Amino acid sequence: MRWLPFEIHPDTPPEGAPKPFSPEEWPHVRERLKRLAQEVGLPIDPQQRNVNSRFALETTELVRAQKGDAEAGAFCHHVSRAFFTEHADISKREVIVPIAERFGISASDVETAWHERRFSPTVDAFIKDGHKAGVRGVPAMGWPNRRAIVGLMPPTELVLRLRNEAPERLRE
């Protein structure tokens, strides 16, 4: 499996923005998301604000460049856990840099890559490819050069959809 970046709300300002739900709607949306996540074993508590994830996404590509796909996936897992379970603001350096350091990436490497915007074209290319594959949210999974399967769903349904979309040589 390869974790790839995708910006759900690229227009979110650095300070964040409220989710597009009224105060009356949000509790119902939150409970639905929590219930779906619980069905697949994910402990989440969705925040009522969107944050700008670009710094985290570009840092993921720094981790990938220095440590490989597996470590980039693990980094994404840690960032997701911080966001969804700890309500951490993943747009902040004080959140992302310590996570990167756990993967052997120095704070100075993170800062340099960000200031140079070294991985911005890579993230942009992945997002463009995601849009072509039909990605409009996360989670999204799929095979290369196929339509993405988007949304939180029970594992049995995900496996069935992935099998149905698999290239002929991979179907069992």
C-alpha atoms as a PDB file:
ATOM      1  CA  MET A   1       0.000   0.000   0.000  1.00  0.00           C
ATOM      2  CA  ARG A   2       1.193   3.493  -0.787  1.00  0.00           C
ATOM      3  CA  TRP A   3      -0.116   6.550   1.049  1.00  0.00           C
ATOM      4  CA  LEU A   4      -0.462   9.555  -1.245  1.00  0.00           C
ATOM      5  CA  PRO A   5      -1.306  13.145  -0.362  1.00  0.00           C
ATOM      6  CA  PHE A   6      -4.696  14.702  -0.985  1.00  0.00           C
ATOM      7  CA  GLU A   7      -5.902  18.124   0.130  1.00  0.00           C
ATOM      8  CA  ILE A   8      -9.598  17.931   0.973  1.00  0.00           C
ATOM      9  CA  HIS A   9     -10.010  21.669   1.573  1.00  0.00           C
ATOM     10  CA  PRO A  10      -7.106  23.429  -0.198  1.00  0.00           C
ATOM     11  CA  ASP A  11      -8.783  26.795   0.280  1.00  0.00           C
ATOM     12  CA  THR A  12      -8.637  26.545   4.081  1.00  0.00           C
ATOM     13  CA  PRO A  13      -6.673  29.524   5.394  1.00  0.00           C
ATOM     14  CA  PRO A  14      -3.663  28.992   7.692  1.00  0.00           C
ATOM     15  CA  GLU A  15      -5.777  29.779  10.769  1.00  0.00           C
ATOM     16  CA  GLY A  16      -8.371  27.129   9.832  1.00  0.00           C
ATOM     17  CA  ALA A  17     -12.072  27.503   9.080  1.00  0.00           C
ATOM     18  CA  PRO A  18     -15.353  26.153  10.403  1.00  0.00           C
ATOM     19  CA  LYS A  19     -16.761  23.048   8.770  1.00  0.00           C
ATOM     20  CA  PRO A  20     -19.677  23.780   6.423  1.00  0.00           C
ATOM     21  CA  PHE A  21     -22.306  22.556   8.900  1.00  0.00           C
ATOM     22  CA  SER A  22     -24.632  24.566  11.083  1.00  0.00           C
ATOM     23  CA  PRO A  23     -24.390  24.210  14.874  1.00  0.00           C
ATOM     24  CA  GLU A  24     -27.568  22.122  14.676  1.00  0.00           C
ATOM     25  CA  GLU A  25     -26.208  19.827  11.943  1.00  0.00           C
ATOM     26  CA  TRP A  26     -22.715  19.272  13.339  1.00  0.00           C
ATOM     27  CA  PRO A  27     -23.589  16.936  16.252  1.00  0.00           C
ATOM     28  CA  HIS A  28     -25.392  14.591  13.851  1.00  0.00           C
ATOM     29  CA  VAL A  29     -22.563  14.661  11.306  1.00  0.00           C
ATOM     30  CA  ARG A  30     -19.981  14.098  14.059  1.00  0.00           C
ATOM     31  CA  GLU A  31     -21.869  11.118  15.509  1.00  0.00           C
ATOM     32  CA  ARG A  32     -22.306   9.569  12.057  1.00  0.00           C
ATOM     33  CA  LEU A  33     -18.568   9.867  11.369  1.00  0.00           C
ATOM     34  CA  LYS A  34     -17.694   8.447  14.787  1.00  0.00           C
ATOM     35  CA  ARG A  35     -20.073   5.513  14.268  1.00  0.00           C
ATOM     36  CA  LEU A  36     -18.673   4.716  10.819  1.00  0.00           C
ATOM     37  CA  ALA A  37     -15.125   4.947  12.119  1.00  0.00           C
ATOM     38  CA  GLN A  38     -15.950   2.735  15.089  1.00  0.00           C
ATOM     39  CA  GLU A  39     -17.329   0.086  12.694  1.00  0.00           C
ATOM     40  CA  VAL A  40     -13.890  -0.162  11.079  1.00  0.00           C
ATOM     41  CA  GLY A  41     -11.939   0.129  14.320  1.00  0.00           C
ATOM     42  CA  LEU A  42     -10.791   3.739  14.027  1.00  0.00           C
ATOM     43  CA  PRO A  43     -10.888   5.791  17.219  1.00  0.00           C
ATOM     44  CA  ILE A  44     -11.760   9.260  15.932  1.00  0.00           C
ATOM     45  CA  ASP A  45     -13.472  12.316  17.289  1.00  0.00           C
ATOM     46  CA  PRO A  46     -13.902  14.702  14.348  1.00  0.00           C
ATOM     47  CA  GLN A  47     -13.120  18.352  14.903  1.00  0.00           C
ATOM     48  CA  GLN A  48     -15.608  21.066  14.076  1.00  0.00           C
ATOM     49  CA  ARG A  49     -12.932  23.041  12.202  1.00  0.00           C
ATOM     50  CA  ASN A  50     -11.034  22.329   9.017  1.00  0.00           C
ATOM     51  CA  VAL A  51      -7.314  22.912   9.144  1.00  0.00           C
ATOM     52  CA  ASN A  52      -4.884  23.581   6.331  1.00  0.00           C
ATOM     53  CA  SER A  53      -3.042  20.283   5.799  1.00  0.00           C
ATOM     54  CA  ARG A  54      -0.500  21.460   3.215  1.00  0.00           C
ATOM     55  CA  PHE A  55       2.472  21.577   5.623  1.00  0.00           C
ATOM     56  CA  ALA A  56       1.723  18.021   6.778  1.00  0.00           C
ATOM     57  CA  LEU A  57       1.322  16.783   3.192  1.00  0.00           C
ATOM     58  CA  GLU A  58       4.588  18.304   2.013  1.00  0.00           C
ATOM     59  CA  THR A  59       6.357  16.936   5.096  1.00  0.00           C
ATOM     60  CA  THR A  60       5.015  13.488   4.199  1.00  0.00           C
ATOM     61  CA  GLU A  61       6.815  13.767   0.873  1.00  0.00           C
ATOM     62  CA  LEU A  62      10.029  14.724   2.681  1.00  0.00           C
ATOM     63  CA  VAL A  63       9.655  11.584   4.813  1.00  0.00           C
ATOM     64  CA  ARG A  64       9.029   9.533   1.639  1.00  0.00           C
ATOM     65  CA  ALA A  65      12.107  11.020  -0.064  1.00  0.00           C
ATOM     66  CA  GLN A  66      14.378  10.291   2.893  1.00  0.00           C
ATOM     67  CA  LYS A  67      12.863   7.117   4.347  1.00  0.00           C
ATOM     68  CA  GLY A  68      10.621   5.479   1.707  1.00  0.00           C
ATOM     69  CA  ASP A  69       6.964   4.642   1.190  1.00  0.00           C
ATOM     70  CA  ALA A  70       6.479   2.541   4.328  1.00  0.00           C
ATOM     71  CA  GLU A  71       7.757   5.276   6.606  1.00  0.00           C
ATOM     72  CA  ALA A  72       5.700   7.903   4.764  1.00  0.00           C
ATOM     73  CA  GLY A  73       2.617   5.764   5.401  1.00  0.00           C
ATOM     74  CA  ALA A  74       3.492   5.422   9.076  1.00  0.00           C
ATOM     75  CA  PHE A  75       4.064   9.182   9.281  1.00  0.00           C
ATOM     76  CA  CYS A  76       0.585   9.756   7.762  1.00  0.00           C
ATOM     77  CA  HIS A  77      -0.875   7.407  10.336  1.00  0.00           C
ATOM     78  CA  HIS A  78       0.707   9.403  13.181  1.00  0.00           C
ATOM     79  CA  VAL A  79      -0.452  12.717  11.705  1.00  0.00           C
ATOM     80  CA  SER A  80      -3.986  11.365  11.222  1.00  0.00           C
ATOM     81  CA  ARG A  81      -4.066  10.081  14.795  1.00  0.00           C
ATOM     82  CA  ALA A  82      -2.897  13.470  16.085  1.00  0.00           C
ATOM     83  CA  PHE A  83      -5.619  15.231  14.095  1.00  0.00           C
ATOM     84  CA  PHE A  84      -8.526  12.840  14.622  1.00  0.00           C
ATOM     85  CA  THR A  85      -7.940  11.663  18.184  1.00  0.00           C
ATOM     86  CA  GLU A  86      -5.943  14.465  19.825  1.00  0.00           C
ATOM     87  CA  HIS A  87      -7.507  17.404  17.945  1.00  0.00           C
ATOM     88  CA  ALA A  88      -4.009  18.605  17.070  1.00  0.00           C
ATOM     89  CA  ASP A  89      -3.711  21.383  14.506  1.00  0.00           C
ATOM     90  CA  ILE A  90      -1.665  19.666  11.805  1.00  0.00           C
ATOM     91  CA  SER A  91      -1.019  22.992  10.087  1.00  0.00           C
ATOM     92  CA  LYS A  92       1.353  23.897  12.935  1.00  0.00           C
ATOM     93  CA  ARG A  93       5.063  23.209  12.899  1.00  0.00           C
ATOM     94  CA  GLU A  94       4.998  22.417  16.623  1.00  0.00           C
ATOM     95  CA  VAL A  95       2.737  19.450  15.799  1.00  0.00           C
ATOM     96  CA  ILE A  96       4.334  18.157  12.576  1.00  0.00           C
ATOM     97  CA  VAL A  97       8.047  18.625  13.300  1.00  0.00           C
ATOM     98  CA  PRO A  98       8.101  16.357  16.398  1.00  0.00           C
ATOM     99  CA  ILE A  99       6.275  13.653  14.457  1.00  0.00           C
ATOM    100  CA  ALA A 100       8.818  13.943  11.623  1.00  0.00           C
ATOM    101  CA  GLU A 101      11.661  13.772  14.146  1.00  0.00           C
ATOM    102  CA  ARG A 102      10.317  10.405  15.364  1.00  0.00           C
ATOM    103  CA  PHE A 103      11.031   9.193  11.832  1.00  0.00           C
ATOM    104  CA  GLY A 104      14.588  10.502  11.822  1.00  0.00           C
ATOM    105  CA  ILE A 105      13.827  13.700   9.900  1.00  0.00           C
ATOM    106  CA  SER A 106      15.495  16.748  11.418  1.00  0.00           C
ATOM    107  CA  ALA A 107      13.581  19.911  12.222  1.00  0.00           C
ATOM    108  CA  SER A 108      15.980  21.840  10.012  1.00  0.00           C
ATOM    109  CA  ASP A 109      15.261  19.502   7.065  1.00  0.00           C
ATOM    110  CA  VAL A 110      11.517  20.015   7.568  1.00  0.00           C
ATOM    111  CA  GLU A 111      11.901  23.799   7.739  1.00  0.00           C
ATOM    112  CA  THR A 112      14.225  23.963   4.731  1.00  0.00           C
ATOM    113  CA  ALA A 113      11.949  21.770   2.595  1.00  0.00           C
ATOM    114  CA  TRP A 114       8.945  23.902   3.569  1.00  0.00           C
ATOM    115  CA  HIS A 115      10.622  27.254   2.927  1.00  0.00           C
ATOM    116  CA  GLU A 116      11.906  26.042  -0.445  1.00  0.00           C
ATOM    117  CA  ARG A 117       8.497  24.449  -1.119  1.00  0.00           C
ATOM    118  CA  ARG A 118      10.589  21.546  -2.361  1.00  0.00           C
ATOM    119  CA  PHE A 119       7.720  19.036  -2.312  1.00  0.00           C
ATOM    120  CA  SER A 120       4.911  21.328  -3.424  1.00  0.00           C
ATOM    121  CA  PRO A 121       5.069  20.160  -7.078  1.00  0.00           C
ATOM    122  CA  THR A 122       4.999  16.518  -5.939  1.00  0.00           C
ATOM    123  CA  VAL A 123       1.942  17.085  -3.756  1.00  0.00           C
ATOM    124  CA  ASP A 124       0.245  19.033  -6.553  1.00  0.00           C
ATOM    125  CA  ALA A 125       0.879  16.198  -9.029  1.00  0.00           C
ATOM    126  CA  PHE A 126      -0.540  13.565  -6.661  1.00  0.00           C
ATOM    127  CA  ILE A 127      -3.619  15.708  -6.014  1.00  0.00           C
ATOM    128  CA  LYS A 128      -4.136  16.198  -9.748  1.00  0.00           C
ATOM    129  CA  ASP A 129      -3.875  12.428 -10.282  1.00  0.00           C
ATOM    130  CA  GLY A 130      -6.308  11.896  -7.402  1.00  0.00           C
ATOM    131  CA  HIS A 131      -8.858  14.196  -8.996  1.00  0.00           C
ATOM    132  CA  LYS A 132      -8.516  12.294 -12.289  1.00  0.00           C
ATOM    133  CA  ALA A 133      -9.194   9.059 -10.372  1.00  0.00           C
ATOM    134  CA  GLY A 134     -12.337  10.529  -8.803  1.00  0.00           C
ATOM    135  CA  VAL A 135     -10.967  11.306  -5.349  1.00  0.00           C
ATOM    136  CA  ARG A 136     -13.095  13.931  -3.648  1.00  0.00           C
ATOM    137  CA  GLY A 137     -12.399  13.024  -0.019  1.00  0.00           C
ATOM    138  CA  VAL A 138     -10.628  10.588   2.244  1.00  0.00           C
ATOM    139  CA  PRO A 139     -10.105   7.802   2.753  1.00  0.00           C
ATOM    140  CA  ALA A 140      -9.670   6.923  -0.876  1.00  0.00           C
ATOM    141  CA  MET A 141      -8.105   3.733  -2.171  1.00  0.00           C
ATOM    142  CA  GLY A 142      -7.590   2.031  -5.450  1.00  0.00           C
ATOM    143  CA  TRP A 143      -5.347   0.563  -8.056  1.00  0.00           C
ATOM    144  CA  PRO A 144      -3.068   2.593 -10.310  1.00  0.00           C
ATOM    145  CA  ASN A 145      -4.858   3.963 -13.370  1.00  0.00           C
ATOM    146  CA  ARG A 146      -8.306   3.000 -12.014  1.00  0.00           C
ATOM    147  CA  ARG A 147     -11.190   4.887 -10.409  1.00  0.00           C
ATOM    148  CA  ALA A 148     -10.725   5.482  -6.693  1.00  0.00           C
ATOM    149  CA  ILE A 149     -12.946   3.978  -4.036  1.00  0.00           C
ATOM    150  CA  VAL A 150     -13.802   6.872  -1.742  1.00  0.00           C
ATOM    151  CA  GLY A 151     -15.273   6.947   1.738  1.00  0.00           C
ATOM    152  CA  LEU A 152     -15.193   5.185   5.046  1.00  0.00           C
ATOM    153  CA  MET A 153     -16.783   1.738   4.771  1.00  0.00           C
ATOM    154  CA  PRO A 154     -16.692  -1.655   6.457  1.00  0.00           C
ATOM    155  CA  PRO A 155     -13.555  -3.640   5.556  1.00  0.00           C
ATOM    156  CA  THR A 156     -15.556  -6.404   3.842  1.00  0.00           C
ATOM    157  CA  GLU A 157     -17.143  -3.873   1.492  1.00  0.00           C
ATOM    158  CA  LEU A 158     -13.780  -2.250   0.785  1.00  0.00           C
ATOM    159  CA  VAL A 159     -12.177  -5.601  -0.033  1.00  0.00           C
ATOM    160  CA  LEU A 160     -15.071  -6.466  -2.360  1.00  0.00           C
ATOM    161  CA  ARG A 161     -14.811  -3.129  -4.177  1.00  0.00           C
ATOM    162  CA  LEU A 162     -11.020  -3.402  -4.483  1.00  0.00           C
ATOM    163  CA  ARG A 163     -11.344  -6.930  -5.888  1.00  0.00           C
ATOM    164  CA  ASN A 164     -13.945  -5.765  -8.396  1.00  0.00           C
ATOM    165  CA  GLU A 165     -11.706  -2.921  -9.535  1.00  0.00           C
ATOM    166  CA  ALA A 166      -8.464  -4.937  -9.529  1.00  0.00           C
ATOM    167  CA  PRO A 167      -6.597  -5.440 -12.776  1.00  0.00           C
ATOM    168  CA  GLU A 168      -7.532  -8.821 -14.288  1.00  0.00           C
ATOM    169  CA  ARG A 169      -4.186 -10.390 -13.363  1.00  0.00           C
ATOM    170  CA  LEU A 170      -4.742  -9.652  -9.651  1.00  0.00           C
ATOM    171  CA  ARG A 171      -8.310 -10.917  -9.219  1.00  0.00           C
ATOM    172  CA  GLU A 172      -8.816 -14.036  -7.151  1.00  0.00           C
END
